[in-house]
């Protein structure tokens, strides 16, 4: 059994920052992660979608280049290369997270509490005076018939072939981001939103302007 001052379960932005901060103060720290370093934000959220947003922006710029007096022709979307670029960015950032955790023991596997001060990972037990649970979030599928045929926001980040059309259930931030990306890639996109307007938590005028802009596309 190995002992630490602090164990952090989850190596996302909250977890790895807490671990690195504690280690910098001289504490003996371990981080337990069953997936990739960086958590949801780096691997399945903010960062990969922003990489795709940039590719979508380039596609739109090329497609509208004649407005600027430049003839570039219709853009050809190479989705495997777009996804490969996204993966290259993620790999580089994961490496940076690993460097941040240079003074932290990184344990790969799924943690299970044995008691308040002990967790088990891959058959090994680890103890600490304090344990932080920073396990993040995961997509939740609607409980509707046929849900097993749909893609989650995680899974769509790994597709290698563009669909001819796409229905997105939910006009929140994530839904509208994917709508914007795939529309720029030439996919016919339909967004289904329960509320009266897209982006329900946002200012109505902002949401209306975005909806009008996307409708033109």
N, C-alpha and C. Protein backbone atom coordinates (compact mmCIF):
# COMPACT_ATOMS: atom_id res chain seq x y z
N UNK A 1 0.85 -1.19 0.00
CA UNK A 1 0.00 0.00 0.00
C UNK A 1 0.89 1.25 0.00
N UNK A 2 0.61 2.17 -0.94
CA UNK A 2 1.41 3.38 -1.04
C UNK A 2 0.66 4.55 -0.43
N UNK A 3 1.37 5.39 0.31
CA UNK A 3 0.74 6.51 1.03
C UNK A 3 1.08 7.85 0.39
N UNK A 4 0.09 8.74 0.34
CA UNK A 4 0.27 10.09 -0.20
C UNK A 4 -0.36 11.11 0.76
N UNK A 5 0.03 12.36 0.59
CA UNK A 5 -0.64 13.43 1.34
C UNK A 5 -1.99 13.74 0.70
N UNK A 6 -2.03 13.64 -0.65
CA UNK A 6 -3.25 13.97 -1.39
C UNK A 6 -3.39 13.05 -2.60
N UNK A 7 -4.59 12.55 -2.81
CA UNK A 7 -4.92 11.80 -4.03
C UNK A 7 -6.02 12.57 -4.76
N UNK A 8 -5.84 12.76 -6.05
CA UNK A 8 -6.85 13.41 -6.88
C UNK A 8 -7.36 12.39 -7.89
N UNK A 9 -8.65 12.16 -7.90
CA UNK A 9 -9.26 11.23 -8.85
C UNK A 9 -9.80 12.04 -10.03
N UNK A 10 -9.14 11.93 -11.17
CA UNK A 10 -9.53 12.69 -12.35
C UNK A 10 -8.47 13.71 -12.72
N UNK A 11 -7.98 13.62 -13.96
CA UNK A 11 -6.90 14.51 -14.41
C UNK A 11 -7.40 15.53 -15.41
N UNK A 12 -8.60 16.07 -15.15
CA UNK A 12 -9.11 17.17 -15.97
C UNK A 12 -8.57 18.50 -15.47
N UNK A 13 -9.08 19.63 -15.98
CA UNK A 13 -8.58 20.95 -15.58
C UNK A 13 -8.61 21.17 -14.08
N UNK A 14 -9.70 20.73 -13.43
CA UNK A 14 -9.77 20.88 -11.97
C UNK A 14 -8.80 19.97 -11.25
N UNK A 15 -8.75 18.71 -11.68
CA UNK A 15 -7.92 17.72 -11.01
C UNK A 15 -6.43 17.96 -11.16
N UNK A 16 -5.98 18.16 -12.40
CA UNK A 16 -4.52 18.27 -12.57
C UNK A 16 -3.98 19.59 -12.02
N UNK A 17 -4.81 20.66 -12.06
CA UNK A 17 -4.37 21.93 -11.48
C UNK A 17 -4.25 21.81 -9.96
N UNK A 18 -5.22 21.15 -9.34
CA UNK A 18 -5.17 20.95 -7.89
C UNK A 18 -3.96 20.11 -7.50
N UNK A 19 -3.70 19.05 -8.27
CA UNK A 19 -2.57 18.17 -7.98
C UNK A 19 -1.25 18.89 -8.14
N UNK A 20 -1.10 19.63 -9.24
CA UNK A 20 0.16 20.34 -9.49
C UNK A 20 0.38 21.43 -8.44
N UNK A 21 -0.71 22.11 -8.04
CA UNK A 21 -0.59 23.16 -7.03
C UNK A 21 -0.15 22.60 -5.69
N UNK A 22 -0.72 21.45 -5.30
CA UNK A 22 -0.35 20.83 -4.03
C UNK A 22 1.09 20.33 -4.06
N UNK A 23 1.49 19.76 -5.20
CA UNK A 23 2.87 19.27 -5.33
C UNK A 23 3.86 20.42 -5.24
N UNK A 24 3.49 21.58 -5.80
CA UNK A 24 4.37 22.76 -5.75
C UNK A 24 4.56 23.25 -4.32
N UNK A 25 3.61 22.92 -3.45
CA UNK A 25 3.71 23.30 -2.04
C UNK A 25 4.44 22.24 -1.22
N UNK A 26 4.96 21.23 -1.91
CA UNK A 26 5.77 20.22 -1.23
C UNK A 26 5.02 18.99 -0.75
N UNK A 27 3.77 18.85 -1.14
CA UNK A 27 2.99 17.68 -0.71
C UNK A 27 3.21 16.52 -1.67
N UNK A 28 3.09 15.31 -1.16
CA UNK A 28 3.24 14.11 -1.98
C UNK A 28 1.87 13.79 -2.57
N UNK A 29 1.76 13.88 -3.89
CA UNK A 29 0.46 13.85 -4.56
C UNK A 29 0.41 12.76 -5.63
N UNK A 30 -0.76 12.14 -5.74
CA UNK A 30 -1.02 11.18 -6.82
C UNK A 30 -2.29 11.59 -7.55
N UNK A 31 -2.29 11.42 -8.86
CA UNK A 31 -3.48 11.63 -9.69
C UNK A 31 -3.87 10.29 -10.30
N UNK A 32 -5.15 9.96 -10.22
CA UNK A 32 -5.66 8.72 -10.81
C UNK A 32 -6.53 9.08 -12.00
N UNK A 33 -6.21 8.51 -13.16
CA UNK A 33 -6.95 8.82 -14.38
C UNK A 33 -7.15 7.54 -15.19
N UNK A 34 -8.40 7.25 -15.56
CA UNK A 34 -8.69 6.03 -16.31
C UNK A 34 -8.63 6.24 -17.82
N UNK A 35 -8.62 7.52 -18.23
CA UNK A 35 -8.62 7.82 -19.66
C UNK A 35 -7.38 8.66 -19.98
N UNK A 36 -7.56 9.73 -20.77
CA UNK A 36 -6.44 10.59 -21.15
C UNK A 36 -6.30 11.76 -20.18
N UNK A 37 -5.07 12.24 -20.01
CA UNK A 37 -4.85 13.45 -19.22
C UNK A 37 -5.54 14.63 -19.90
N UNK A 38 -6.06 15.54 -19.09
CA UNK A 38 -6.71 16.73 -19.65
C UNK A 38 -8.21 16.73 -19.50
N UNK A 39 -8.81 15.57 -19.26
CA UNK A 39 -10.24 15.50 -19.01
C UNK A 39 -11.12 15.82 -20.20
N UNK A 40 -12.38 16.09 -19.90
CA UNK A 40 -13.38 16.34 -20.94
C UNK A 40 -13.04 17.55 -21.79
N UNK A 41 -12.64 18.64 -21.15
CA UNK A 41 -12.38 19.88 -21.88
C UNK A 41 -11.33 19.68 -22.97
N UNK A 42 -10.23 19.05 -22.62
CA UNK A 42 -9.14 18.89 -23.59
C UNK A 42 -9.46 17.82 -24.64
N UNK A 43 -10.04 16.71 -24.22
CA UNK A 43 -10.17 15.56 -25.11
C UNK A 43 -11.50 15.45 -25.86
N UNK A 44 -12.59 15.93 -25.25
CA UNK A 44 -13.90 15.75 -25.88
C UNK A 44 -14.78 16.99 -25.80
N UNK A 45 -14.18 18.14 -25.50
CA UNK A 45 -14.99 19.34 -25.33
C UNK A 45 -14.43 20.56 -26.01
N UNK A 46 -14.05 21.53 -25.19
CA UNK A 46 -13.65 22.85 -25.70
C UNK A 46 -12.57 22.79 -26.77
N UNK A 47 -11.49 22.06 -26.51
CA UNK A 47 -10.33 22.10 -27.40
C UNK A 47 -10.61 21.44 -28.75
N UNK A 48 -11.09 20.19 -28.80
CA UNK A 48 -11.35 19.59 -30.12
C UNK A 48 -12.39 20.35 -30.94
N UNK A 49 -13.42 20.87 -30.28
CA UNK A 49 -14.43 21.60 -31.05
C UNK A 49 -13.86 22.91 -31.60
N UNK A 50 -12.97 23.55 -30.84
CA UNK A 50 -12.36 24.79 -31.35
C UNK A 50 -11.43 24.50 -32.52
N UNK A 51 -10.77 23.34 -32.50
CA UNK A 51 -9.94 22.94 -33.64
C UNK A 51 -10.81 22.75 -34.88
N UNK A 52 -11.97 22.13 -34.70
CA UNK A 52 -12.90 21.95 -35.83
C UNK A 52 -13.49 23.28 -36.27
N UNK A 53 -13.74 24.17 -35.30
CA UNK A 53 -14.25 25.51 -35.64
C UNK A 53 -13.27 26.25 -36.55
N UNK A 54 -11.99 26.10 -36.27
CA UNK A 54 -10.98 26.78 -37.09
C UNK A 54 -10.98 26.23 -38.52
N UNK A 55 -11.10 24.90 -38.66
CA UNK A 55 -11.18 24.30 -39.99
C UNK A 55 -12.44 24.78 -40.71
N UNK A 56 -13.55 24.88 -39.97
CA UNK A 56 -14.80 25.36 -40.56
C UNK A 56 -14.66 26.81 -41.01
N UNK A 57 -13.97 27.62 -40.22
CA UNK A 57 -13.74 29.02 -40.58
C UNK A 57 -12.93 29.14 -41.87
N UNK A 58 -11.89 28.30 -41.99
CA UNK A 58 -11.07 28.31 -43.20
C UNK A 58 -11.90 27.90 -44.41
N UNK A 59 -12.76 26.86 -44.24
CA UNK A 59 -13.61 26.40 -45.34
C UNK A 59 -14.54 27.52 -45.81
N UNK A 60 -15.10 28.27 -44.86
CA UNK A 60 -16.00 29.36 -45.22
C UNK A 60 -15.24 30.50 -45.90
N UNK A 61 -14.02 30.78 -45.42
CA UNK A 61 -13.22 31.85 -46.02
C UNK A 61 -12.86 31.51 -47.47
N UNK A 62 -12.45 30.25 -47.70
CA UNK A 62 -12.12 29.82 -49.06
C UNK A 62 -13.35 29.87 -49.94
N UNK A 63 -14.48 29.38 -49.41
CA UNK A 63 -15.72 29.37 -50.19
C UNK A 63 -16.21 30.76 -50.57
N UNK A 64 -15.89 31.76 -49.73
CA UNK A 64 -16.33 33.14 -49.99
C UNK A 64 -15.20 34.02 -50.53
N UNK A 65 -14.11 33.40 -50.99
CA UNK A 65 -12.92 34.17 -51.38
C UNK A 65 -13.19 35.11 -52.55
N UNK A 66 -14.16 34.76 -53.43
CA UNK A 66 -14.44 35.63 -54.58
C UNK A 66 -14.94 37.00 -54.15
N UNK A 67 -15.55 37.08 -52.95
CA UNK A 67 -16.02 38.38 -52.44
C UNK A 67 -14.85 39.33 -52.21
N UNK A 68 -13.65 38.75 -52.04
CA UNK A 68 -12.46 39.56 -51.78
C UNK A 68 -11.58 39.69 -53.03
N UNK A 69 -12.13 39.27 -54.18
CA UNK A 69 -11.39 39.39 -55.42
C UNK A 69 -10.36 38.29 -55.63
N UNK A 70 -10.55 37.16 -54.95
CA UNK A 70 -9.62 36.04 -55.08
C UNK A 70 -10.40 34.81 -55.51
N UNK A 71 -9.95 34.15 -56.59
CA UNK A 71 -10.61 32.95 -57.08
C UNK A 71 -9.89 31.72 -56.53
N UNK A 72 -10.55 31.00 -55.63
CA UNK A 72 -9.94 29.81 -55.03
C UNK A 72 -10.75 28.55 -55.32
N UNK A 73 -11.92 28.72 -55.90
CA UNK A 73 -12.76 27.56 -56.19
C UNK A 73 -13.48 27.06 -54.96
N UNK A 74 -14.29 26.03 -55.15
CA UNK A 74 -15.06 25.44 -54.06
C UNK A 74 -14.14 24.63 -53.16
N UNK A 75 -14.20 24.84 -51.83
CA UNK A 75 -13.32 24.09 -50.94
C UNK A 75 -13.66 22.59 -50.92
N UNK A 76 -12.65 21.75 -50.87
CA UNK A 76 -12.84 20.30 -50.76
C UNK A 76 -12.57 19.92 -49.31
N UNK A 77 -13.56 19.35 -48.65
CA UNK A 77 -13.45 19.01 -47.24
C UNK A 77 -12.83 17.62 -47.08
N UNK A 78 -11.66 17.56 -46.49
CA UNK A 78 -10.97 16.30 -46.20
C UNK A 78 -11.14 16.03 -44.71
N UNK A 79 -12.26 15.38 -44.35
CA UNK A 79 -12.58 15.20 -42.93
C UNK A 79 -11.53 14.38 -42.18
N UNK A 80 -11.00 13.27 -42.75
CA UNK A 80 -9.95 12.55 -42.02
C UNK A 80 -8.76 13.43 -41.68
N UNK A 81 -8.36 14.32 -42.60
CA UNK A 81 -7.23 15.21 -42.31
C UNK A 81 -7.61 16.25 -41.26
N UNK A 82 -8.85 16.74 -41.30
CA UNK A 82 -9.32 17.69 -40.30
C UNK A 82 -9.28 17.04 -38.91
N UNK A 83 -9.77 15.80 -38.84
CA UNK A 83 -9.77 15.09 -37.56
C UNK A 83 -8.35 14.77 -37.10
N UNK A 84 -7.47 14.46 -38.06
CA UNK A 84 -6.07 14.17 -37.70
C UNK A 84 -5.40 15.42 -37.13
N UNK A 85 -5.68 16.58 -37.73
CA UNK A 85 -5.12 17.84 -37.20
C UNK A 85 -5.62 18.07 -35.79
N UNK A 86 -6.91 17.83 -35.58
CA UNK A 86 -7.49 17.98 -34.24
C UNK A 86 -6.78 17.06 -33.24
N UNK A 87 -6.55 15.82 -33.63
CA UNK A 87 -5.88 14.85 -32.75
C UNK A 87 -4.44 15.25 -32.45
N UNK A 88 -3.76 15.84 -33.44
CA UNK A 88 -2.38 16.30 -33.24
C UNK A 88 -2.34 17.42 -32.19
N UNK A 89 -3.33 18.31 -32.24
CA UNK A 89 -3.40 19.39 -31.27
C UNK A 89 -3.63 18.82 -29.86
N UNK A 90 -4.54 17.86 -29.77
CA UNK A 90 -4.84 17.26 -28.47
C UNK A 90 -3.63 16.55 -27.89
N UNK A 91 -2.90 15.83 -28.75
CA UNK A 91 -1.72 15.09 -28.28
C UNK A 91 -0.68 16.05 -27.72
N UNK A 92 -0.49 17.18 -28.40
CA UNK A 92 0.48 18.17 -27.92
C UNK A 92 0.08 18.76 -26.58
N UNK A 93 -1.21 19.03 -26.41
CA UNK A 93 -1.69 19.61 -25.16
C UNK A 93 -1.66 18.60 -24.02
N UNK A 94 -1.95 17.32 -24.34
CA UNK A 94 -1.84 16.28 -23.31
C UNK A 94 -0.40 16.16 -22.81
N UNK A 95 0.54 16.30 -23.74
CA UNK A 95 1.95 16.26 -23.36
C UNK A 95 2.28 17.41 -22.41
N UNK A 96 1.70 18.57 -22.67
CA UNK A 96 1.91 19.73 -21.80
C UNK A 96 1.33 19.49 -20.41
N UNK A 97 0.17 18.84 -20.34
CA UNK A 97 -0.43 18.51 -19.05
C UNK A 97 0.49 17.55 -18.29
N UNK A 98 1.06 16.58 -19.01
CA UNK A 98 1.99 15.64 -18.39
C UNK A 98 3.18 16.36 -17.78
N UNK A 99 3.65 17.42 -18.44
CA UNK A 99 4.78 18.19 -17.92
C UNK A 99 4.38 18.96 -16.66
N UNK A 100 3.12 19.45 -16.64
CA UNK A 100 2.61 20.14 -15.45
C UNK A 100 2.59 19.18 -14.26
N UNK A 101 2.35 17.91 -14.54
CA UNK A 101 2.27 16.88 -13.49
C UNK A 101 3.60 16.19 -13.25
N UNK A 102 4.69 16.85 -13.60
CA UNK A 102 6.02 16.25 -13.49
C UNK A 102 6.36 15.80 -12.08
N UNK A 103 5.86 16.54 -11.07
CA UNK A 103 6.16 16.21 -9.67
C UNK A 103 5.03 15.43 -9.00
N UNK A 104 4.13 14.91 -9.81
CA UNK A 104 2.97 14.17 -9.31
C UNK A 104 3.04 12.73 -9.81
N UNK A 105 2.66 11.78 -8.97
CA UNK A 105 2.58 10.38 -9.39
C UNK A 105 1.27 10.17 -10.15
N UNK A 106 1.36 9.78 -11.41
CA UNK A 106 0.16 9.55 -12.23
C UNK A 106 -0.12 8.05 -12.26
N UNK A 107 -1.31 7.68 -11.82
CA UNK A 107 -1.72 6.28 -11.76
C UNK A 107 -2.84 6.07 -12.78
N UNK A 108 -2.65 5.15 -13.70
CA UNK A 108 -3.66 4.89 -14.74
C UNK A 108 -4.61 3.79 -14.30
N UNK A 109 -5.90 4.07 -14.37
CA UNK A 109 -6.89 3.07 -14.01
C UNK A 109 -8.10 3.73 -13.38
N UNK A 110 -9.06 2.92 -12.98
CA UNK A 110 -10.30 3.41 -12.37
C UNK A 110 -10.23 3.24 -10.87
N UNK A 111 -10.51 4.32 -10.15
CA UNK A 111 -10.42 4.30 -8.68
C UNK A 111 -11.72 3.81 -8.06
N UNK A 112 -11.56 3.05 -6.98
CA UNK A 112 -12.72 2.57 -6.22
C UNK A 112 -12.42 2.78 -4.74
N UNK A 113 -13.32 3.46 -4.05
CA UNK A 113 -13.11 3.72 -2.63
C UNK A 113 -13.24 2.43 -1.81
N UNK A 114 -12.24 2.21 -0.94
CA UNK A 114 -12.30 1.11 0.03
C UNK A 114 -12.80 1.65 1.36
N UNK A 115 -12.31 2.83 1.72
CA UNK A 115 -12.80 3.57 2.87
C UNK A 115 -12.52 5.05 2.61
N UNK A 116 -12.76 5.89 3.61
CA UNK A 116 -12.63 7.34 3.41
C UNK A 116 -11.23 7.78 3.03
N UNK A 117 -10.22 6.99 3.37
CA UNK A 117 -8.84 7.40 3.10
C UNK A 117 -8.09 6.45 2.17
N UNK A 118 -8.79 5.48 1.58
CA UNK A 118 -8.13 4.47 0.75
C UNK A 118 -8.91 4.21 -0.53
N UNK A 119 -8.18 4.18 -1.65
CA UNK A 119 -8.79 3.80 -2.92
C UNK A 119 -8.00 2.64 -3.52
N UNK A 120 -8.71 1.88 -4.34
CA UNK A 120 -8.08 0.75 -5.02
C UNK A 120 -8.06 1.01 -6.52
N UNK A 121 -6.91 0.77 -7.16
CA UNK A 121 -6.77 0.93 -8.61
C UNK A 121 -6.02 -0.27 -9.14
N UNK A 122 -6.64 -1.00 -10.06
CA UNK A 122 -6.01 -2.18 -10.68
C UNK A 122 -5.48 -3.17 -9.64
N UNK A 123 -6.24 -3.34 -8.55
CA UNK A 123 -5.86 -4.30 -7.52
C UNK A 123 -4.87 -3.77 -6.49
N UNK A 124 -4.37 -2.54 -6.68
CA UNK A 124 -3.44 -1.93 -5.73
C UNK A 124 -4.18 -0.89 -4.89
N UNK A 125 -3.79 -0.78 -3.61
CA UNK A 125 -4.42 0.19 -2.72
C UNK A 125 -3.51 1.39 -2.47
N UNK A 126 -4.13 2.57 -2.38
CA UNK A 126 -3.41 3.81 -2.14
C UNK A 126 -4.17 4.58 -1.07
N UNK A 127 -3.42 5.17 -0.13
CA UNK A 127 -4.05 5.93 0.94
C UNK A 127 -3.59 7.37 0.90
N UNK A 128 -4.41 8.26 1.47
CA UNK A 128 -4.05 9.68 1.56
C UNK A 128 -4.86 10.32 2.67
N UNK A 129 -4.29 11.39 3.26
CA UNK A 129 -5.02 12.13 4.28
C UNK A 129 -6.23 12.81 3.66
N UNK A 130 -6.08 13.24 2.40
CA UNK A 130 -7.18 13.92 1.70
C UNK A 130 -7.32 13.34 0.30
N UNK A 131 -8.56 13.20 -0.15
CA UNK A 131 -8.84 12.70 -1.51
C UNK A 131 -9.82 13.66 -2.18
N UNK A 132 -9.46 14.14 -3.36
CA UNK A 132 -10.34 15.02 -4.14
C UNK A 132 -10.95 14.21 -5.28
N UNK A 133 -12.26 14.27 -5.41
CA UNK A 133 -12.94 13.63 -6.53
C UNK A 133 -13.21 14.70 -7.59
N UNK A 134 -12.54 14.58 -8.74
CA UNK A 134 -12.68 15.56 -9.83
C UNK A 134 -12.92 14.81 -11.13
N UNK A 135 -14.00 14.03 -11.15
CA UNK A 135 -14.25 13.10 -12.26
C UNK A 135 -15.01 13.70 -13.43
N UNK A 136 -15.38 14.99 -13.35
CA UNK A 136 -15.96 15.64 -14.53
C UNK A 136 -17.35 15.17 -14.90
N UNK A 137 -17.63 15.18 -16.21
CA UNK A 137 -18.99 14.89 -16.69
C UNK A 137 -18.95 13.99 -17.92
N UNK A 138 -20.11 13.56 -18.35
CA UNK A 138 -20.23 12.75 -19.56
C UNK A 138 -21.58 13.07 -20.23
N UNK A 139 -21.68 12.84 -21.54
CA UNK A 139 -22.95 13.13 -22.22
C UNK A 139 -24.07 12.22 -21.73
N UNK A 140 -25.27 12.76 -21.68
CA UNK A 140 -26.45 11.98 -21.31
C UNK A 140 -27.36 11.91 -22.52
N UNK A 141 -27.73 10.70 -22.94
CA UNK A 141 -28.62 10.52 -24.08
C UNK A 141 -30.07 10.66 -23.64
N UNK A 142 -30.87 11.30 -24.47
CA UNK A 142 -32.30 11.41 -24.19
C UNK A 142 -32.93 10.03 -24.12
N UNK A 143 -33.86 9.86 -23.20
CA UNK A 143 -34.53 8.57 -23.05
C UNK A 143 -35.70 8.50 -24.04
N UNK A 144 -35.36 8.32 -25.32
CA UNK A 144 -36.36 8.25 -26.38
C UNK A 144 -36.11 7.02 -27.24
N UNK A 145 -37.14 6.50 -27.90
CA UNK A 145 -36.94 5.34 -28.79
C UNK A 145 -35.91 5.64 -29.87
N UNK A 146 -34.99 4.71 -30.09
CA UNK A 146 -33.99 4.89 -31.13
C UNK A 146 -32.75 5.62 -30.69
N UNK A 147 -32.63 5.92 -29.40
CA UNK A 147 -31.47 6.69 -28.92
C UNK A 147 -30.15 5.98 -29.20
N UNK A 148 -30.20 4.64 -29.30
CA UNK A 148 -28.97 3.88 -29.56
C UNK A 148 -28.45 4.11 -30.98
N UNK A 149 -29.25 4.71 -31.85
CA UNK A 149 -28.84 4.99 -33.22
C UNK A 149 -28.19 6.37 -33.35
N UNK A 150 -28.28 7.16 -32.29
CA UNK A 150 -27.75 8.53 -32.34
C UNK A 150 -26.30 8.58 -31.89
N UNK A 151 -25.61 9.66 -32.26
CA UNK A 151 -24.24 9.90 -31.81
C UNK A 151 -24.27 10.90 -30.65
N UNK A 152 -23.41 10.68 -29.67
CA UNK A 152 -23.27 11.67 -28.60
C UNK A 152 -22.30 12.75 -29.07
N UNK A 153 -22.19 13.81 -28.27
CA UNK A 153 -21.25 14.88 -28.61
C UNK A 153 -19.81 14.39 -28.54
N UNK A 154 -19.55 13.30 -27.81
CA UNK A 154 -18.22 12.68 -27.79
C UNK A 154 -17.95 11.95 -29.10
N UNK A 155 -18.92 11.13 -29.50
CA UNK A 155 -18.71 10.25 -30.66
C UNK A 155 -18.59 11.01 -31.98
N UNK A 156 -19.28 12.12 -32.09
CA UNK A 156 -19.24 12.86 -33.36
C UNK A 156 -17.87 13.48 -33.59
N UNK A 157 -17.07 13.59 -32.54
CA UNK A 157 -15.72 14.15 -32.67
C UNK A 157 -14.75 13.17 -33.31
N UNK A 158 -15.20 11.94 -33.56
CA UNK A 158 -14.30 10.93 -34.12
C UNK A 158 -14.77 10.39 -35.47
N UNK A 159 -15.85 10.94 -36.04
CA UNK A 159 -16.33 10.42 -37.32
C UNK A 159 -15.32 10.72 -38.42
N UNK A 160 -15.26 9.86 -39.42
CA UNK A 160 -14.30 10.01 -40.51
C UNK A 160 -14.97 10.29 -41.85
N UNK A 161 -16.31 10.25 -41.88
CA UNK A 161 -17.06 10.51 -43.12
C UNK A 161 -18.15 11.53 -42.83
N UNK A 162 -18.27 12.54 -43.68
CA UNK A 162 -19.30 13.55 -43.49
C UNK A 162 -20.66 13.00 -43.88
N UNK A 163 -21.68 13.17 -43.04
CA UNK A 163 -23.04 12.79 -43.44
C UNK A 163 -23.59 13.81 -44.41
N UNK A 164 -24.57 13.42 -45.21
CA UNK A 164 -25.20 14.40 -46.11
C UNK A 164 -26.11 15.34 -45.33
N UNK A 165 -26.66 14.83 -44.23
CA UNK A 165 -27.51 15.67 -43.39
C UNK A 165 -27.33 15.27 -41.93
N UNK A 166 -27.70 16.20 -41.05
CA UNK A 166 -27.49 15.99 -39.62
C UNK A 166 -28.60 16.68 -38.85
N UNK A 167 -29.21 15.95 -37.92
CA UNK A 167 -30.18 16.54 -37.01
C UNK A 167 -29.54 16.63 -35.64
N UNK A 168 -29.57 17.82 -35.05
CA UNK A 168 -28.99 18.04 -33.72
C UNK A 168 -30.14 18.32 -32.75
N UNK A 169 -30.25 17.49 -31.72
CA UNK A 169 -31.29 17.69 -30.71
C UNK A 169 -30.71 18.55 -29.60
N UNK A 170 -31.15 19.79 -29.55
CA UNK A 170 -30.66 20.72 -28.54
C UNK A 170 -29.95 21.90 -29.16
N UNK A 171 -30.48 23.10 -28.93
CA UNK A 171 -29.91 24.31 -29.49
C UNK A 171 -29.12 25.11 -28.48
N UNK A 172 -28.47 24.40 -27.55
CA UNK A 172 -27.60 25.07 -26.59
C UNK A 172 -26.24 25.35 -27.21
N UNK A 173 -25.27 25.68 -26.36
CA UNK A 173 -23.94 26.05 -26.85
C UNK A 173 -23.30 24.94 -27.66
N UNK A 174 -23.31 23.71 -27.13
CA UNK A 174 -22.66 22.59 -27.82
C UNK A 174 -23.39 22.27 -29.12
N UNK A 175 -24.70 22.24 -29.07
CA UNK A 175 -25.48 21.94 -30.27
C UNK A 175 -25.25 22.94 -31.38
N UNK A 176 -25.25 24.22 -31.03
CA UNK A 176 -25.08 25.26 -32.05
C UNK A 176 -23.64 25.30 -32.57
N UNK A 177 -22.69 24.92 -31.72
CA UNK A 177 -21.30 24.87 -32.18
C UNK A 177 -21.16 23.79 -33.26
N UNK A 178 -21.72 22.61 -33.00
CA UNK A 178 -21.65 21.54 -34.00
C UNK A 178 -22.46 21.91 -35.25
N UNK A 179 -23.58 22.59 -35.07
CA UNK A 179 -24.38 23.02 -36.21
C UNK A 179 -23.57 23.95 -37.11
N UNK A 180 -22.85 24.88 -36.51
CA UNK A 180 -22.04 25.82 -37.26
C UNK A 180 -20.90 25.12 -37.99
N UNK A 181 -20.23 24.19 -37.29
CA UNK A 181 -19.10 23.46 -37.87
C UNK A 181 -19.53 22.65 -39.09
N UNK A 182 -20.55 21.81 -38.90
CA UNK A 182 -20.93 20.90 -39.99
C UNK A 182 -21.64 21.61 -41.13
N UNK A 183 -22.30 22.71 -40.83
CA UNK A 183 -22.87 23.52 -41.91
C UNK A 183 -21.76 24.06 -42.80
N UNK A 184 -20.66 24.52 -42.17
CA UNK A 184 -19.53 25.04 -42.94
C UNK A 184 -18.87 23.96 -43.78
N UNK A 185 -19.01 22.71 -43.36
CA UNK A 185 -18.44 21.57 -44.10
C UNK A 185 -19.38 21.08 -45.21
N UNK A 186 -20.52 21.77 -45.40
CA UNK A 186 -21.43 21.43 -46.48
C UNK A 186 -22.54 20.46 -46.10
N UNK A 187 -22.70 20.18 -44.82
CA UNK A 187 -23.74 19.26 -44.36
C UNK A 187 -25.04 20.03 -44.15
N UNK A 188 -26.15 19.45 -44.57
CA UNK A 188 -27.46 20.06 -44.31
C UNK A 188 -27.83 19.80 -42.86
N UNK A 189 -27.96 20.86 -42.07
CA UNK A 189 -28.15 20.72 -40.62
C UNK A 189 -29.53 21.21 -40.19
N UNK A 190 -30.18 20.41 -39.35
CA UNK A 190 -31.44 20.81 -38.73
C UNK A 190 -31.25 20.75 -37.21
N UNK A 191 -31.64 21.83 -36.53
CA UNK A 191 -31.54 21.88 -35.07
C UNK A 191 -32.94 21.83 -34.47
N UNK A 192 -33.15 20.92 -33.53
CA UNK A 192 -34.43 20.82 -32.82
C UNK A 192 -34.24 21.37 -31.41
N UNK A 193 -35.00 22.39 -31.05
CA UNK A 193 -34.87 23.01 -29.72
C UNK A 193 -36.24 23.15 -29.07
N UNK A 194 -36.36 22.68 -27.84
CA UNK A 194 -37.62 22.69 -27.10
C UNK A 194 -38.06 24.12 -26.73
N UNK A 195 -37.10 24.96 -26.37
CA UNK A 195 -37.43 26.33 -25.94
C UNK A 195 -37.80 27.22 -27.14
N UNK A 196 -38.27 28.41 -26.84
CA UNK A 196 -38.72 29.33 -27.89
C UNK A 196 -37.56 29.83 -28.75
N UNK A 197 -36.35 29.85 -28.17
CA UNK A 197 -35.19 30.38 -28.88
C UNK A 197 -33.98 29.50 -28.60
N UNK A 198 -33.01 29.49 -29.54
CA UNK A 198 -31.77 28.77 -29.31
C UNK A 198 -30.99 29.47 -28.19
N UNK A 199 -29.97 28.81 -27.65
CA UNK A 199 -29.14 29.33 -26.56
C UNK A 199 -30.00 29.90 -25.43
N UNK A 200 -30.86 29.07 -24.83
CA UNK A 200 -31.81 29.55 -23.81
C UNK A 200 -31.20 30.40 -22.69
N UNK A 201 -29.99 30.11 -22.18
CA UNK A 201 -29.49 30.93 -21.06
C UNK A 201 -28.97 32.30 -21.49
N UNK A 202 -28.82 32.53 -22.81
CA UNK A 202 -28.18 33.75 -23.30
C UNK A 202 -29.19 34.87 -23.52
N UNK A 203 -28.65 36.07 -23.71
CA UNK A 203 -29.48 37.22 -24.06
C UNK A 203 -30.26 36.92 -25.34
N UNK A 204 -31.54 37.25 -25.34
CA UNK A 204 -32.42 36.91 -26.46
C UNK A 204 -31.95 37.54 -27.76
N UNK A 205 -31.47 38.78 -27.71
CA UNK A 205 -31.04 39.46 -28.93
C UNK A 205 -29.82 38.76 -29.55
N UNK A 206 -28.90 38.31 -28.70
CA UNK A 206 -27.72 37.58 -29.20
C UNK A 206 -28.15 36.28 -29.86
N UNK A 207 -29.04 35.54 -29.19
CA UNK A 207 -29.52 34.27 -29.72
C UNK A 207 -30.24 34.47 -31.06
N UNK A 208 -31.05 35.52 -31.13
CA UNK A 208 -31.80 35.80 -32.36
C UNK A 208 -30.86 36.13 -33.52
N UNK A 209 -29.84 36.95 -33.24
CA UNK A 209 -28.87 37.31 -34.28
C UNK A 209 -28.13 36.08 -34.79
N UNK A 210 -27.74 35.17 -33.87
CA UNK A 210 -27.04 33.96 -34.28
C UNK A 210 -27.96 33.08 -35.12
N UNK A 211 -29.20 32.92 -34.68
CA UNK A 211 -30.15 32.08 -35.43
C UNK A 211 -30.36 32.63 -36.84
N UNK A 212 -30.49 33.95 -36.95
CA UNK A 212 -30.67 34.57 -38.27
C UNK A 212 -29.45 34.33 -39.16
N UNK A 213 -28.28 34.48 -38.59
CA UNK A 213 -27.04 34.28 -39.34
C UNK A 213 -26.92 32.84 -39.82
N UNK A 214 -27.20 31.88 -38.93
CA UNK A 214 -27.09 30.46 -39.31
C UNK A 214 -28.17 30.06 -40.30
N UNK A 215 -29.35 30.68 -40.18
CA UNK A 215 -30.44 30.35 -41.11
C UNK A 215 -30.06 30.69 -42.53
N UNK A 216 -29.30 31.78 -42.72
CA UNK A 216 -28.86 32.17 -44.05
C UNK A 216 -27.96 31.10 -44.67
N UNK A 217 -27.28 30.34 -43.81
CA UNK A 217 -26.36 29.31 -44.28
C UNK A 217 -27.09 27.99 -44.52
